[in-house]
């Protein structure tokens, strides 16, 4: 059986933490920034974690686990 291929778009967008959680960037920080407050833009800078409901799908795309 051939090896599973990693999803190329997923490997560019997600990274693993040391404890096995999946790190991601937050949305809405690319363009149309003039109407967003400084506080909103600052809070979007920090990275977030993938939710538990999406974790299995993301790990499958990264070919981790299943």
C-alpha atoms as a PDB file:
ATOM      1  CA  UNK A   1       0.000   0.000   0.000  1.00  0.00           C
ATOM      2  CA  UNK A   2       1.424   3.430  -0.900  1.00  0.00           C
ATOM      3  CA  UNK A   3       2.167   6.121   1.621  1.00  0.00           C
ATOM      4  CA  UNK A   4      -0.495   8.701   2.472  1.00  0.00           C
ATOM      5  CA  UNK A   5       0.174  12.135   1.005  1.00  0.00           C
ATOM      6  CA  UNK A   6       0.036  15.204   3.217  1.00  0.00           C
ATOM      7  CA  UNK A   7      -2.471  17.828   2.091  1.00  0.00           C
ATOM      8  CA  UNK A   8      -0.327  20.687   0.776  1.00  0.00           C
ATOM      9  CA  UNK A   9      -2.697  23.463   1.821  1.00  0.00           C
ATOM     10  CA  UNK A  10      -2.954  22.038   5.340  1.00  0.00           C
ATOM     11  CA  UNK A  11       0.795  21.796   5.884  1.00  0.00           C
ATOM     12  CA  UNK A  12       1.113  25.506   5.015  1.00  0.00           C
ATOM     13  CA  UNK A  13      -1.656  26.554   7.411  1.00  0.00           C
ATOM     14  CA  UNK A  14      -1.236  24.353  10.492  1.00  0.00           C
ATOM     15  CA  UNK A  15       1.601  23.333  12.781  1.00  0.00           C
ATOM     16  CA  UNK A  16       1.808  20.988  15.739  1.00  0.00           C
ATOM     17  CA  UNK A  17       2.548  22.004  19.307  1.00  0.00           C
ATOM     18  CA  UNK A  18       4.676  19.939  21.642  1.00  0.00           C
ATOM     19  CA  UNK A  19       1.614  18.418  23.309  1.00  0.00           C
ATOM     20  CA  UNK A  20       0.070  17.327  19.996  1.00  0.00           C
ATOM     21  CA  UNK A  21      -2.442  20.132  19.556  1.00  0.00           C
ATOM     22  CA  UNK A  22      -2.736  21.884  16.199  1.00  0.00           C
ATOM     23  CA  UNK A  23      -1.874  25.574  15.970  1.00  0.00           C
ATOM     24  CA  UNK A  24      -3.487  27.907  13.429  1.00  0.00           C
ATOM     25  CA  UNK A  25      -3.590  31.582  12.489  1.00  0.00           C
ATOM     26  CA  UNK A  26      -6.706  33.659  12.987  1.00  0.00           C
ATOM     27  CA  UNK A  27      -8.816  34.930  10.087  1.00  0.00           C
ATOM     28  CA  UNK A  28      -9.813  38.524   9.157  1.00  0.00           C
ATOM     29  CA  UNK A  29      -6.312  40.051   9.334  1.00  0.00           C
ATOM     30  CA  UNK A  30      -5.495  40.188   5.578  1.00  0.00           C
ATOM     31  CA  UNK A  31      -7.253  43.240   4.139  1.00  0.00           C
ATOM     32  CA  UNK A  32      -9.951  45.868   4.887  1.00  0.00           C
ATOM     33  CA  UNK A  33      -8.097  46.737   8.097  1.00  0.00           C
ATOM     34  CA  UNK A  34      -9.025  50.420   8.203  1.00  0.00           C
ATOM     35  CA  UNK A  35     -12.488  49.843   9.640  1.00  0.00           C
ATOM     36  CA  UNK A  36     -11.242  47.411  12.315  1.00  0.00           C
ATOM     37  CA  UNK A  37     -10.177  48.754  15.675  1.00  0.00           C
ATOM     38  CA  UNK A  38      -6.575  48.562  16.877  1.00  0.00           C
ATOM     39  CA  UNK A  39      -7.630  46.224  19.684  1.00  0.00           C
ATOM     40  CA  UNK A  40      -9.355  43.879  17.237  1.00  0.00           C
ATOM     41  CA  UNK A  41      -6.312  43.769  14.925  1.00  0.00           C
ATOM     42  CA  UNK A  42      -3.962  43.207  17.878  1.00  0.00           C
ATOM     43  CA  UNK A  43      -6.034  40.284  19.168  1.00  0.00           C
ATOM     44  CA  UNK A  44      -6.100  38.706  15.690  1.00  0.00           C
ATOM     45  CA  UNK A  45      -2.285  38.684  15.646  1.00  0.00           C
ATOM     46  CA  UNK A  46      -2.020  35.875  18.205  1.00  0.00           C
ATOM     47  CA  UNK A  47      -2.271  32.285  17.052  1.00  0.00           C
ATOM     48  CA  UNK A  48      -5.124  30.041  18.082  1.00  0.00           C
ATOM     49  CA  UNK A  49      -5.778  26.333  18.355  1.00  0.00           C
ATOM     50  CA  UNK A  50      -7.942  24.157  16.148  1.00  0.00           C
ATOM     51  CA  UNK A  51     -11.205  23.263  17.874  1.00  0.00           C
ATOM     52  CA  UNK A  52     -11.814  19.719  19.086  1.00  0.00           C
ATOM     53  CA  UNK A  53     -14.578  19.200  16.498  1.00  0.00           C
ATOM     54  CA  UNK A  54     -12.177  19.926  13.622  1.00  0.00           C
ATOM     55  CA  UNK A  55      -9.127  18.208  15.105  1.00  0.00           C
ATOM     56  CA  UNK A  56      -9.685  14.805  13.478  1.00  0.00           C
ATOM     57  CA  UNK A  57     -10.153  16.339  10.010  1.00  0.00           C
ATOM     58  CA  UNK A  58      -7.020  18.464  10.298  1.00  0.00           C
ATOM     59  CA  UNK A  59      -4.912  15.609  11.625  1.00  0.00           C
ATOM     60  CA  UNK A  60      -6.163  13.425   8.769  1.00  0.00           C
ATOM     61  CA  UNK A  61      -5.059  16.077   6.235  1.00  0.00           C
ATOM     62  CA  UNK A  62      -1.663  16.213   7.951  1.00  0.00           C
ATOM     63  CA  UNK A  63      -1.640  12.346   7.954  1.00  0.00           C
ATOM     64  CA  UNK A  64      -1.193  12.159  11.721  1.00  0.00           C
ATOM     65  CA  UNK A  65      -3.036   9.464  13.594  1.00  0.00           C
ATOM     66  CA  UNK A  66      -5.454   7.582  11.332  1.00  0.00           C
END
